[in-house]
PDB file of N, CA and C in Angstrom:
ATOM      1  N   MET A   1       5.857  58.598 -53.998  1.00  0.00           N
ATOM      2  CA  MET A   1       5.492  57.745 -52.813  1.00  0.00           C
ATOM      3  C   MET A   1       5.179  58.640 -51.622  1.00  0.00           C
ATOM      4  N   ALA A   2       5.367  59.946 -51.756  1.00  0.00           N
ATOM      5  CA  ALA A   2       5.087  60.869 -50.654  1.00  0.00           C
ATOM      6  C   ALA A   2       3.652  60.781 -50.148  1.00  0.00           C
ATOM      7  N   SER A   3       2.735  60.589 -51.041  1.00  0.00           N
ATOM      8  CA  SER A   3       1.317  60.580 -50.696  1.00  0.00           C
ATOM      9  C   SER A   3       0.992  59.331 -49.880  1.00  0.00           C
ATOM     10  N   ALA A   4       1.535  58.189 -50.146  1.00  0.00           N
ATOM     11  CA  ALA A   4       1.316  57.029 -49.376  1.00  0.00           C
ATOM     12  C   ALA A   4       1.843  57.224 -47.942  1.00  0.00           C
ATOM     13  N   ARG A   5       3.030  57.865 -47.844  1.00  0.00           N
ATOM     14  CA  ARG A   5       3.556  58.155 -46.521  1.00  0.00           C
ATOM     15  C   ARG A   5       2.656  59.096 -45.731  1.00  0.00           C
ATOM     16  N   SER A   6       2.189  60.137 -46.364  1.00  0.00           N
ATOM     17  CA  SER A   6       1.323  61.069 -45.780  1.00  0.00           C
ATOM     18  C   SER A   6      -0.051  60.457 -45.354  1.00  0.00           C
ATOM     19  N   THR A   7      -0.531  59.540 -46.170  1.00  0.00           N
ATOM     20  CA  THR A   7      -1.816  58.925 -45.943  1.00  0.00           C
ATOM     21  C   THR A   7      -1.686  58.031 -44.721  1.00  0.00           C
ATOM     22  N   ARG A   8      -0.584  57.308 -44.548  1.00  0.00           N
ATOM     23  CA  ARG A   8      -0.441  56.398 -43.416  1.00  0.00           C
ATOM     24  C   ARG A   8      -0.287  57.191 -42.128  1.00  0.00           C
ATOM     25  N   ALA A   9       0.421  58.294 -42.156  1.00  0.00           N
ATOM     26  CA  ALA A   9       0.605  59.142 -40.974  1.00  0.00           C
ATOM     27  C   ALA A   9      -0.754  59.879 -40.671  1.00  0.00           C
ATOM     28  N   SER A  10      -1.446  60.415 -41.668  1.00  0.00           N
ATOM     29  CA  SER A  10      -2.695  61.036 -41.403  1.00  0.00           C
ATOM     30  C   SER A  10      -3.767  60.104 -40.834  1.00  0.00           C
ATOM     31  N   ALA A  11      -3.743  58.889 -41.336  1.00  0.00           N
ATOM     32  CA  ALA A  11      -4.703  57.885 -40.778  1.00  0.00           C
ATOM     33  C   ALA A  11      -4.448  57.591 -39.397  1.00  0.00           C
ATOM     34  N   ALA A  12      -3.201  57.567 -38.937  1.00  0.00           N
ATOM     35  CA  ALA A  12      -2.833  57.403 -37.498  1.00  0.00           C
ATOM     36  C   ALA A  12      -3.354  58.584 -36.721  1.00  0.00           C
ATOM     37  N   VAL A  13      -3.260  59.769 -37.240  1.00  0.00           N
ATOM     38  CA  VAL A  13      -3.770  60.911 -36.498  1.00  0.00           C
ATOM     39  C   VAL A  13      -5.288  60.945 -36.465  1.00  0.00           C
ATOM     40  N   GLU A  14      -5.951  60.499 -37.476  1.00  0.00           N
ATOM     41  CA  GLU A  14      -7.404  60.374 -37.474  1.00  0.00           C
ATOM     42  C   GLU A  14      -7.905  59.394 -36.478  1.00  0.00           C
ATOM     43  N   ARG A  15      -7.149  58.219 -36.329  1.00  0.00           N
ATOM     44  CA  ARG A  15      -7.524  57.229 -35.302  1.00  0.00           C
ATOM     45  C   ARG A  15      -7.373  57.836 -33.889  1.00  0.00           C
ATOM     46  N   LEU A  16      -6.291  58.635 -33.745  1.00  0.00           N
ATOM     47  CA  LEU A  16      -6.126  59.362 -32.425  1.00  0.00           C
ATOM     48  C   LEU A  16      -7.247  60.295 -32.126  1.00  0.00           C
ATOM     49  N   LYS A  17      -7.644  61.002 -33.099  1.00  0.00           N
ATOM     50  CA  LYS A  17      -8.782  61.967 -32.906  1.00  0.00           C
ATOM     51  C   LYS A  17     -10.052  61.204 -32.540  1.00  0.00           C
ATOM     52  N   ARG A  18     -10.321  60.041 -33.182  1.00  0.00           N
ATOM     53  CA  ARG A  18     -11.490  59.293 -32.930  1.00  0.00           C
ATOM     54  C   ARG A  18     -11.481  58.698 -31.512  1.00  0.00           C
ATOM     55  N   ARG A  19     -10.271  58.215 -31.121  1.00  0.00           N
ATOM     56  CA  ARG A  19     -10.079  57.603 -29.767  1.00  0.00           C
ATOM     57  C   ARG A  19     -10.259  58.622 -28.587  1.00  0.00           C
ATOM     58  N   THR A  20      -9.660  59.754 -28.813  1.00  0.00           N
ATOM     59  CA  THR A  20      -9.641  60.787 -27.758  1.00  0.00           C
ATOM     60  C   THR A  20     -10.874  61.701 -27.777  1.00  0.00           C
ATOM     61  N   GLY A  21     -11.502  61.876 -28.941  1.00  0.00           N
ATOM     62  CA  GLY A  21     -12.623  62.848 -29.014  1.00  0.00           C
ATOM     63  C   GLY A  21     -12.125  64.259 -29.170  1.00  0.00           C
ATOM     64  N   HIS A  22     -10.795  64.400 -29.300  1.00  0.00           N
ATOM     65  CA  HIS A  22     -10.145  65.776 -29.454  1.00  0.00           C
ATOM     66  C   HIS A  22      -9.878  66.007 -30.930  1.00  0.00           C
ATOM     67  N   THR A  23     -10.670  66.846 -31.578  1.00  0.00           N
ATOM     68  CA  THR A  23     -10.434  66.947 -33.045  1.00  0.00           C
ATOM     69  C   THR A  23      -9.354  67.994 -33.455  1.00  0.00           C
ATOM     70  N   GLY A  24      -8.672  68.553 -32.525  1.00  0.00           N
ATOM     71  CA  GLY A  24      -7.726  69.509 -32.768  1.00  0.00           C
ATOM     72  C   GLY A  24      -6.266  69.084 -33.137  1.00  0.00           C
ATOM     73  N   TYR A  25      -6.041  67.846 -32.979  1.00  0.00           N
ATOM     74  CA  TYR A  25      -4.687  67.307 -33.311  1.00  0.00           C
ATOM     75  C   TYR A  25      -4.306  67.582 -34.801  1.00  0.00           C
ATOM     76  N   SER A  26      -3.160  67.982 -34.943  1.00  0.00           N
ATOM     77  CA  SER A  26      -2.657  68.342 -36.322  1.00  0.00           C
ATOM     78  C   SER A  26      -1.272  67.734 -36.499  1.00  0.00           C
ATOM     79  N   MET A  27      -1.094  67.170 -37.788  1.00  0.00           N
ATOM     80  CA  MET A  27       0.158  66.626 -38.180  1.00  0.00           C
ATOM     81  C   MET A  27       0.746  67.577 -39.143  1.00  0.00           C
ATOM     82  N   ALA A  28       2.075  67.651 -39.160  1.00  0.00           N
ATOM     83  CA  ALA A  28       2.887  68.463 -40.048  1.00  0.00           C
ATOM     84  C   ALA A  28       4.054  67.616 -40.593  1.00  0.00           C
ATOM     85  N   ARG A  29       4.476  67.960 -41.786  1.00  0.00           N
ATOM     86  CA  ARG A  29       5.619  67.275 -42.357  1.00  0.00           C
ATOM     87  C   ARG A  29       6.754  68.250 -42.636  1.00  0.00           C
ATOM     88  N   THR A  30       7.970  67.903 -42.239  1.00  0.00           N
ATOM     89  CA  THR A  30       9.065  68.770 -42.487  1.00  0.00           C
ATOM     90  C   THR A  30       9.676  68.629 -43.865  1.00  0.00           C
ATOM     91  N   ALA A  31      10.565  69.437 -44.259  1.00  0.00           N
ATOM     92  CA  ALA A  31      11.161  69.463 -45.574  1.00  0.00           C
ATOM     93  C   ALA A  31      11.946  68.153 -45.771  1.00  0.00           C
ATOM     94  N   ASP A  32      12.489  67.519 -44.782  1.00  0.00           N
ATOM     95  CA  ASP A  32      13.228  66.255 -44.988  1.00  0.00           C
ATOM     96  C   ASP A  32      12.394  65.022 -44.890  1.00  0.00           C
ATOM     97  N   GLY A  33      11.019  65.239 -44.773  1.00  0.00           N
ATOM     98  CA  GLY A  33      10.123  64.103 -44.834  1.00  0.00           C
ATOM     99  C   GLY A  33       9.767  63.530 -43.463  1.00  0.00           C
ATOM    100  N   SER A  34      10.187  64.171 -42.347  1.00  0.00           N
ATOM    101  CA  SER A  34       9.806  63.762 -41.057  1.00  0.00           C
ATOM    102  C   SER A  34       8.412  64.341 -40.670  1.00  0.00           C
ATOM    103  N   PHE A  35       7.782  63.736 -39.699  1.00  0.00           N
ATOM    104  CA  PHE A  35       6.448  64.111 -39.218  1.00  0.00           C
ATOM    105  C   PHE A  35       6.528  64.582 -37.769  1.00  0.00           C
ATOM    106  N   PHE A  36       5.649  65.532 -37.412  1.00  0.00           N
ATOM    107  CA  PHE A  36       5.456  65.827 -35.946  1.00  0.00           C
ATOM    108  C   PHE A  36       4.051  66.094 -35.744  1.00  0.00           C
ATOM    109  N   LEU A  37       3.599  66.095 -34.488  1.00  0.00           N
ATOM    110  CA  LEU A  37       2.217  66.143 -34.032  1.00  0.00           C
ATOM    111  C   LEU A  37       2.110  67.336 -33.117  1.00  0.00           C
ATOM    112  N   SER A  38       1.036  68.082 -33.245  1.00  0.00           N
ATOM    113  CA  SER A  38       0.696  69.182 -32.312  1.00  0.00           C
ATOM    114  C   SER A  38      -0.790  69.107 -31.928  1.00  0.00           C
ATOM    115  N   GLU A  39      -1.111  69.709 -30.763  1.00  0.00           N
ATOM    116  CA  GLU A  39      -2.525  69.589 -30.340  1.00  0.00           C
ATOM    117  C   GLU A  39      -3.487  70.419 -31.191  1.00  0.00           C
ATOM    118  N   THR A  40      -2.952  71.538 -31.575  1.00  0.00           N
ATOM    119  CA  THR A  40      -3.704  72.478 -32.494  1.00  0.00           C
ATOM    120  C   THR A  40      -2.826  72.940 -33.633  1.00  0.00           C
ATOM    121  N   PRO A  41      -3.325  73.323 -34.746  1.00  0.00           N
ATOM    122  CA  PRO A  41      -2.436  73.903 -35.805  1.00  0.00           C
ATOM    123  C   PRO A  41      -1.676  75.135 -35.280  1.00  0.00           C
ATOM    124  N   GLY A  42      -0.339  75.161 -35.399  1.00  0.00           N
ATOM    125  CA  GLY A  42       0.450  76.251 -34.972  1.00  0.00           C
ATOM    126  C   GLY A  42       0.930  76.138 -33.546  1.00  0.00           C
ATOM    127  N   ALA A  43       0.445  75.195 -32.760  1.00  0.00           N
ATOM    128  CA  ALA A  43       0.803  74.994 -31.436  1.00  0.00           C
ATOM    129  C   ALA A  43       2.230  74.277 -31.391  1.00  0.00           C
ATOM    130  N   PRO A  44       2.940  74.373 -30.253  1.00  0.00           N
ATOM    131  CA  PRO A  44       4.254  73.687 -30.170  1.00  0.00           C
ATOM    132  C   PRO A  44       4.091  72.184 -30.373  1.00  0.00           C
ATOM    133  N   PRO A  45       5.028  71.559 -31.062  1.00  0.00           N
ATOM    134  CA  PRO A  45       4.934  70.065 -31.300  1.00  0.00           C
ATOM    135  C   PRO A  45       5.031  69.251 -30.044  1.00  0.00           C
ATOM    136  N   LEU A  46       4.227  68.195 -30.067  1.00  0.00           N
ATOM    137  CA  LEU A  46       4.243  67.234 -28.977  1.00  0.00           C
ATOM    138  C   LEU A  46       5.447  66.196 -29.007  1.00  0.00           C
ATOM    139  N   CYS A  47       6.134  66.223 -30.112  1.00  0.00           N
ATOM    140  CA  CYS A  47       7.282  65.301 -30.294  1.00  0.00           C
ATOM    141  C   CYS A  47       8.272  65.996 -31.242  1.00  0.00           C
ATOM    142  N   ALA A  48       9.522  65.537 -31.253  1.00  0.00           N
ATOM    143  CA  ALA A  48      10.461  65.918 -32.095  1.00  0.00           C
ATOM    144  C   ALA A  48      10.098  65.279 -33.504  1.00  0.00           C
ATOM    145  N   PRO A  49      10.548  65.893 -34.633  1.00  0.00           N
ATOM    146  CA  PRO A  49      10.266  65.318 -35.960  1.00  0.00           C
ATOM    147  C   PRO A  49      10.746  63.862 -35.976  1.00  0.00           C
ATOM    148  N   LEU A  50       9.781  62.982 -36.399  1.00  0.00           N
ATOM    149  CA  LEU A  50      10.084  61.542 -36.389  1.00  0.00           C
ATOM    150  C   LEU A  50       9.928  61.024 -37.817  1.00  0.00           C
ATOM    151  N   GLU A  51      10.586  59.896 -38.101  1.00  0.00           N
ATOM    152  CA  GLU A  51      10.434  59.148 -39.325  1.00  0.00           C
ATOM    153  C   GLU A  51       8.996  58.551 -39.338  1.00  0.00           C
ATOM    154  N   LEU A  52       8.522  58.100 -40.439  1.00  0.00           N
ATOM    155  CA  LEU A  52       7.125  57.585 -40.584  1.00  0.00           C
ATOM    156  C   LEU A  52       6.805  56.495 -39.568  1.00  0.00           C
ATOM    157  N   ASP A  53       7.565  55.419 -39.524  1.00  0.00           N
ATOM    158  CA  ASP A  53       7.196  54.369 -38.591  1.00  0.00           C
ATOM    159  C   ASP A  53       7.269  54.766 -37.145  1.00  0.00           C
ATOM    160  N   ASP A  54       8.238  55.602 -36.790  1.00  0.00           N
ATOM    161  CA  ASP A  54       8.327  56.042 -35.369  1.00  0.00           C
ATOM    162  C   ASP A  54       7.201  57.021 -35.054  1.00  0.00           C
ATOM    163  N   PHE A  55       6.746  57.789 -36.066  1.00  0.00           N
ATOM    164  CA  PHE A  55       5.706  58.730 -35.900  1.00  0.00           C
ATOM    165  C   PHE A  55       4.307  57.906 -35.642  1.00  0.00           C
ATOM    166  N   VAL A  56       4.108  56.948 -36.504  1.00  0.00           N
ATOM    167  CA  VAL A  56       2.962  56.173 -36.423  1.00  0.00           C
ATOM    168  C   VAL A  56       2.826  55.441 -35.069  1.00  0.00           C
ATOM    169  N   ALA A  57       3.966  54.905 -34.615  1.00  0.00           N
ATOM    170  CA  ALA A  57       4.008  54.210 -33.320  1.00  0.00           C
ATOM    171  C   ALA A  57       3.787  55.211 -32.183  1.00  0.00           C
ATOM    172  N   PHE A  58       4.376  56.415 -32.233  1.00  0.00           N
ATOM    173  CA  PHE A  58       4.135  57.409 -31.293  1.00  0.00           C
ATOM    174  C   PHE A  58       2.676  57.828 -31.139  1.00  0.00           C
ATOM    175  N   VAL A  59       2.063  58.056 -32.315  1.00  0.00           N
ATOM    176  CA  VAL A  59       0.657  58.483 -32.328  1.00  0.00           C
ATOM    177  C   VAL A  59      -0.230  57.377 -31.842  1.00  0.00           C
ATOM    178  N   ASN A  60      -0.019  56.140 -32.239  1.00  0.00           N
ATOM    179  CA  ASN A  60      -0.796  54.990 -31.803  1.00  0.00           C
ATOM    180  C   ASN A  60      -0.735  54.764 -30.264  1.00  0.00           C
ATOM    181  N   GLY A  61       0.349  55.155 -29.685  1.00  0.00           N
ATOM    182  CA  GLY A  61       0.609  54.969 -28.234  1.00  0.00           C
ATOM    183  C   GLY A  61      -0.077  56.071 -27.407  1.00  0.00           C
ATOM    184  N   LEU A  62      -0.505  57.162 -28.006  1.00  0.00           N
ATOM    185  CA  LEU A  62      -1.203  58.253 -27.290  1.00  0.00           C
ATOM    186  C   LEU A  62      -2.662  57.897 -27.073  1.00  0.00           C
ATOM    187  N   GLY A  63      -3.195  58.501 -25.971  1.00  0.00           N
ATOM    188  CA  GLY A  63      -4.619  58.348 -25.722  1.00  0.00           C
ATOM    189  C   GLY A  63      -5.056  56.970 -25.350  1.00  0.00           C
ATOM    190  N   PRO A  64      -6.346  56.893 -25.121  1.00  0.00           N
ATOM    191  CA  PRO A  64      -6.895  55.576 -24.714  1.00  0.00           C
ATOM    192  C   PRO A  64      -6.820  54.581 -25.860  1.00  0.00           C
ATOM    193  N   GLN A  65      -6.532  53.370 -25.572  1.00  0.00           N
ATOM    194  CA  GLN A  65      -6.385  52.344 -26.612  1.00  0.00           C
ATOM    195  C   GLN A  65      -7.691  51.569 -26.817  1.00  0.00           C
ATOM    196  N   GLU A  66      -8.034  51.280 -28.096  1.00  0.00           N
ATOM    197  CA  GLU A  66      -9.109  50.510 -28.497  1.00  0.00           C
ATOM    198  C   GLU A  66      -9.043  49.113 -28.013  1.00  0.00           C
ATOM    199  N   VAL A  67     -10.013  48.616 -27.393  1.00  0.00           N
ATOM    200  CA  VAL A  67     -10.017  47.118 -27.021  1.00  0.00           C
ATOM    201  C   VAL A  67     -10.462  46.324 -28.164  1.00  0.00           C
ATOM    202  N   LYS A  68      -9.692  45.365 -28.511  1.00  0.00           N
ATOM    203  CA  LYS A  68      -9.977  44.455 -29.650  1.00  0.00           C
ATOM    204  C   LYS A  68     -11.143  43.556 -29.284  1.00  0.00           C
ATOM    205  N   ARG A  69     -12.126  43.560 -30.052  1.00  0.00           N
ATOM    206  CA  ARG A  69     -13.333  42.675 -29.814  1.00  0.00           C
ATOM    207  C   ARG A  69     -13.026  41.230 -30.119  1.00  0.00           C
ATOM    208  N   MET A  70     -13.260  40.364 -29.161  1.00  0.00           N
ATOM    209  CA  MET A  70     -12.992  38.973 -29.369  1.00  0.00           C
ATOM    210  C   MET A  70     -14.256  38.117 -29.341  1.00  0.00           C
ATOM    211  N   THR A  71     -14.411  37.369 -30.337  1.00  0.00           N
ATOM    212  CA  THR A  71     -15.682  36.468 -30.465  1.00  0.00           C
ATOM    213  C   THR A  71     -15.280  35.094 -29.791  1.00  0.00           C
ATOM    214  N   LYS A  72     -16.288  34.260 -29.579  1.00  0.00           N
ATOM    215  CA  LYS A  72     -16.051  32.895 -29.073  1.00  0.00           C
ATOM    216  C   LYS A  72     -15.039  32.176 -29.919  1.00  0.00           C
ATOM    217  N   ASN A  73     -15.213  32.289 -31.211  1.00  0.00           N
ATOM    218  CA  ASN A  73     -14.292  31.582 -32.123  1.00  0.00           C
ATOM    219  C   ASN A  73     -12.878  32.070 -32.033  1.00  0.00           C
ATOM    220  N   ASP A  74     -12.679  33.393 -31.877  1.00  0.00           N
ATOM    221  CA  ASP A  74     -11.359  33.970 -31.605  1.00  0.00           C
ATOM    222  C   ASP A  74     -10.659  33.420 -30.413  1.00  0.00           C
ATOM    223  N   LEU A  75     -11.471  33.351 -29.311  1.00  0.00           N
ATOM    224  CA  LEU A  75     -10.953  32.835 -28.074  1.00  0.00           C
ATOM    225  C   LEU A  75     -10.585  31.328 -28.129  1.00  0.00           C
ATOM    226  N   ALA A  76     -11.461  30.606 -28.820  1.00  0.00           N
ATOM    227  CA  ALA A  76     -11.194  29.103 -28.979  1.00  0.00           C
ATOM    228  C   ALA A  76      -9.908  28.975 -29.782  1.00  0.00           C
ATOM    229  N   PHE A  77      -9.777  29.737 -30.891  1.00  0.00           N
ATOM    230  CA  PHE A  77      -8.604  29.638 -31.666  1.00  0.00           C
ATOM    231  C   PHE A  77      -7.301  29.966 -30.951  1.00  0.00           C
ATOM    232  N   GLU A  78      -7.296  31.022 -30.176  1.00  0.00           N
ATOM    233  CA  GLU A  78      -6.106  31.430 -29.360  1.00  0.00           C
ATOM    234  C   GLU A  78      -5.821  30.281 -28.333  1.00  0.00           C
ATOM    235  N   LYS A  79      -6.839  29.639 -27.824  1.00  0.00           N
ATOM    236  CA  LYS A  79      -6.624  28.605 -26.833  1.00  0.00           C
ATOM    237  C   LYS A  79      -5.992  27.410 -27.411  1.00  0.00           C
ATOM    238  N   GLN A  80      -6.291  27.135 -28.702  1.00  0.00           N
ATOM    239  CA  GLN A  80      -5.706  25.985 -29.491  1.00  0.00           C
ATOM    240  C   GLN A  80      -4.225  26.325 -29.820  1.00  0.00           C
ATOM    241  N   LEU A  81      -3.915  27.598 -30.017  1.00  0.00           N
ATOM    242  CA  LEU A  81      -2.648  28.049 -30.321  1.00  0.00           C
ATOM    243  C   LEU A  81      -1.583  27.827 -29.258  1.00  0.00           C
ATOM    244  N   VAL A  82      -2.069  27.896 -27.958  1.00  0.00           N
ATOM    245  CA  VAL A  82      -1.185  27.805 -26.864  1.00  0.00           C
ATOM    246  C   VAL A  82      -1.254  26.498 -26.165  1.00  0.00           C
ATOM    247  N   LYS A  83      -1.858  25.468 -26.753  1.00  0.00           N
ATOM    248  CA  LYS A  83      -1.913  24.101 -26.159  1.00  0.00           C
ATOM    249  C   LYS A  83      -0.488  23.641 -26.009  1.00  0.00           C
ATOM    250  N   LYS A  84      -0.249  22.944 -24.905  1.00  0.00           N
ATOM    251  CA  LYS A  84       1.080  22.314 -24.695  1.00  0.00           C
ATOM    252  C   LYS A  84       1.221  21.000 -25.527  1.00  0.00           C
ATOM    253  N   LYS A  85       2.404  20.774 -25.979  1.00  0.00           N
ATOM    254  CA  LYS A  85       2.686  19.556 -26.686  1.00  0.00           C
ATOM    255  C   LYS A  85       2.937  18.451 -25.722  1.00  0.00           C
ATOM    256  N   PRO A  86       2.462  17.250 -25.994  1.00  0.00           N
ATOM    257  CA  PRO A  86       2.695  16.130 -25.027  1.00  0.00           C
ATOM    258  C   PRO A  86       4.109  15.660 -24.940  1.00  0.00           C
TER     259      PRO A  86
END
């Protein structure tokens, strides 16, 4: 199951690289299965070693966030979801 964990974490780092345009970000995994992020390979870590879910949340919170594209249908659907009950 280690490969699925690494894939999820590395996908988060790839999204960060795409959002920021900085291709130097590097992820490493410790012996106990925790992850940490650094700006370049061998640089000091940007965070303490974190568990998978915490690491993905940390990486997703870095850099500019992608704006979710909303279509007319999406907006109409959300409007229907918040209608008040009589």
